[in-house]
């Protein structure tokens, strides 16, 4: 799942209001039924970006999201296809 598309969308909306830009990335560890996963999400300078798929301070993946990703992967979808599907539905 790519948070970069979420960040692109967020910066596109806020760019007219203020000069907000990317400010690196941050990593967090989340728990899932498959074990611990490291996620890397982008940051913005003003701190107004809120990830939608795995929000800030969420450390456990919801069973619904996990099941959706696993079922899409088992149907033969690529990581890019799964990312696009999740972004279009959230």
C-alpha atoms as a PDB file:
ATOM      1  CA  UNK A   1       0.000   0.000   0.000  1.00  0.00           C
ATOM      2  CA  UNK A   2       1.401   3.324  -0.938  1.00  0.00           C
ATOM      3  CA  UNK A   3       0.932   6.284   1.321  1.00  0.00           C
ATOM      4  CA  UNK A   4       2.710   8.407  -1.273  1.00  0.00           C
ATOM      5  CA  UNK A   5      -0.512   8.649  -3.268  1.00  0.00           C
ATOM      6  CA  UNK A   6      -2.355   9.749  -0.128  1.00  0.00           C
ATOM      7  CA  UNK A   7       0.355  12.362   0.500  1.00  0.00           C
ATOM      8  CA  UNK A   8       0.201  13.591  -3.123  1.00  0.00           C
ATOM      9  CA  UNK A   9      -3.548  14.063  -2.750  1.00  0.00           C
ATOM     10  CA  UNK A  10      -3.168  15.829   0.603  1.00  0.00           C
ATOM     11  CA  UNK A  11      -0.460  18.193  -0.650  1.00  0.00           C
ATOM     12  CA  UNK A  12      -2.509  18.963  -3.755  1.00  0.00           C
ATOM     13  CA  UNK A  13      -5.376  20.140  -1.537  1.00  0.00           C
ATOM     14  CA  UNK A  14      -3.269  22.162   0.910  1.00  0.00           C
ATOM     15  CA  UNK A  15      -0.809  23.693  -1.536  1.00  0.00           C
ATOM     16  CA  UNK A  16      -3.211  26.499  -2.460  1.00  0.00           C
ATOM     17  CA  UNK A  17      -3.690  27.462   1.198  1.00  0.00           C
ATOM     18  CA  UNK A  18      -0.104  27.263   2.451  1.00  0.00           C
ATOM     19  CA  UNK A  19       3.335  26.122   1.407  1.00  0.00           C
ATOM     20  CA  UNK A  20       3.283  22.592   2.772  1.00  0.00           C
ATOM     21  CA  UNK A  21       5.892  20.133   1.528  1.00  0.00           C
ATOM     22  CA  UNK A  22       7.141  16.652   2.173  1.00  0.00           C
ATOM     23  CA  UNK A  23       9.384  16.217   5.196  1.00  0.00           C
ATOM     24  CA  UNK A  24      10.830  12.720   4.956  1.00  0.00           C
ATOM     25  CA  UNK A  25       9.302   9.492   6.178  1.00  0.00           C
ATOM     26  CA  UNK A  26       8.546   7.844   9.477  1.00  0.00           C
ATOM     27  CA  UNK A  27       8.469   4.143  10.345  1.00  0.00           C
ATOM     28  CA  UNK A  28       6.160   2.396  12.762  1.00  0.00           C
ATOM     29  CA  UNK A  29       5.571  -1.217  13.717  1.00  0.00           C
ATOM     30  CA  UNK A  30       2.025  -2.564  13.634  1.00  0.00           C
ATOM     31  CA  UNK A  31       0.666  -5.883  14.864  1.00  0.00           C
ATOM     32  CA  UNK A  32      -1.221  -8.210  12.545  1.00  0.00           C
ATOM     33  CA  UNK A  33      -2.256 -11.835  12.659  1.00  0.00           C
ATOM     34  CA  UNK A  34       0.871 -12.577  10.586  1.00  0.00           C
ATOM     35  CA  UNK A  35       3.136 -10.943  13.179  1.00  0.00           C
ATOM     36  CA  UNK A  36       4.806  -7.548  13.379  1.00  0.00           C
ATOM     37  CA  UNK A  37       5.022  -5.411  10.231  1.00  0.00           C
ATOM     38  CA  UNK A  38       7.123  -2.299   9.673  1.00  0.00           C
ATOM     39  CA  UNK A  39       5.297   0.452   7.768  1.00  0.00           C
ATOM     40  CA  UNK A  40       6.912   3.553   6.316  1.00  0.00           C
ATOM     41  CA  UNK A  41       4.687   6.597   5.855  1.00  0.00           C
ATOM     42  CA  UNK A  42       5.531  10.052   4.517  1.00  0.00           C
ATOM     43  CA  UNK A  43       5.477  13.210   6.659  1.00  0.00           C
ATOM     44  CA  UNK A  44       4.649  16.794   5.756  1.00  0.00           C
ATOM     45  CA  UNK A  45       6.170  19.952   7.206  1.00  0.00           C
ATOM     46  CA  UNK A  46       3.022  21.300   8.832  1.00  0.00           C
ATOM     47  CA  UNK A  47       2.036  17.942  10.350  1.00  0.00           C
ATOM     48  CA  UNK A  48      -1.463  18.122   8.876  1.00  0.00           C
ATOM     49  CA  UNK A  49      -1.204  14.860   6.871  1.00  0.00           C
ATOM     50  CA  UNK A  50      -3.345  12.058   8.316  1.00  0.00           C
ATOM     51  CA  UNK A  51      -2.811   8.606   6.700  1.00  0.00           C
ATOM     52  CA  UNK A  52      -6.129   6.977   5.827  1.00  0.00           C
ATOM     53  CA  UNK A  53      -5.318   3.261   5.505  1.00  0.00           C
ATOM     54  CA  UNK A  54      -3.403   2.955   8.782  1.00  0.00           C
ATOM     55  CA  UNK A  55      -3.997   6.161  10.796  1.00  0.00           C
ATOM     56  CA  UNK A  56      -1.452   7.750  13.112  1.00  0.00           C
ATOM     57  CA  UNK A  57      -1.092   5.993  16.479  1.00  0.00           C
ATOM     58  CA  UNK A  58      -2.862   2.848  15.224  1.00  0.00           C
ATOM     59  CA  UNK A  59      -0.660  -0.104  16.140  1.00  0.00           C
ATOM     60  CA  UNK A  60      -2.985  -3.001  15.313  1.00  0.00           C
ATOM     61  CA  UNK A  61      -4.274  -3.709  11.806  1.00  0.00           C
ATOM     62  CA  UNK A  62      -8.005  -4.225  11.723  1.00  0.00           C
ATOM     63  CA  UNK A  63      -9.083  -7.748  10.802  1.00  0.00           C
ATOM     64  CA  UNK A  64     -11.240  -6.334   7.974  1.00  0.00           C
ATOM     65  CA  UNK A  65      -8.306  -4.597   6.272  1.00  0.00           C
ATOM     66  CA  UNK A  66      -6.081  -7.599   6.768  1.00  0.00           C
ATOM     67  CA  UNK A  67      -8.698  -9.962   5.300  1.00  0.00           C
ATOM     68  CA  UNK A  68      -9.264  -7.694   2.311  1.00  0.00           C
ATOM     69  CA  UNK A  69      -5.551  -7.551   1.471  1.00  0.00           C
ATOM     70  CA  UNK A  70      -5.103 -11.308   1.885  1.00  0.00           C
ATOM     71  CA  UNK A  71      -8.121 -12.111  -0.261  1.00  0.00           C
ATOM     72  CA  UNK A  72      -6.994  -9.742  -3.030  1.00  0.00           C
ATOM     73  CA  UNK A  73      -3.493 -11.229  -2.933  1.00  0.00           C
ATOM     74  CA  UNK A  74      -4.822 -14.804  -3.058  1.00  0.00           C
ATOM     75  CA  UNK A  75      -6.848 -13.881  -6.163  1.00  0.00           C
ATOM     76  CA  UNK A  76      -3.569 -13.126  -7.944  1.00  0.00           C
ATOM     77  CA  UNK A  77      -3.583  -9.334  -7.668  1.00  0.00           C
ATOM     78  CA  UNK A  78      -0.219  -7.573  -7.624  1.00  0.00           C
ATOM     79  CA  UNK A  79       0.840  -5.249  -4.812  1.00  0.00           C
ATOM     80  CA  UNK A  80       0.186  -2.282  -7.117  1.00  0.00           C
ATOM     81  CA  UNK A  81      -3.334  -3.559  -7.903  1.00  0.00           C
ATOM     82  CA  UNK A  82      -4.091  -4.037  -4.213  1.00  0.00           C
ATOM     83  CA  UNK A  83      -2.836  -0.518  -3.416  1.00  0.00           C
ATOM     84  CA  UNK A  84      -5.002   1.001  -6.134  1.00  0.00           C
ATOM     85  CA  UNK A  85      -8.054  -0.950  -4.965  1.00  0.00           C
ATOM     86  CA  UNK A  86      -7.629   0.081  -1.329  1.00  0.00           C
ATOM     87  CA  UNK A  87      -7.001   3.731  -2.199  1.00  0.00           C
ATOM     88  CA  UNK A  88     -10.102   3.897  -4.356  1.00  0.00           C
ATOM     89  CA  UNK A  89     -12.313   2.381  -1.637  1.00  0.00           C
ATOM     90  CA  UNK A  90     -11.161   4.354   1.415  1.00  0.00           C
END
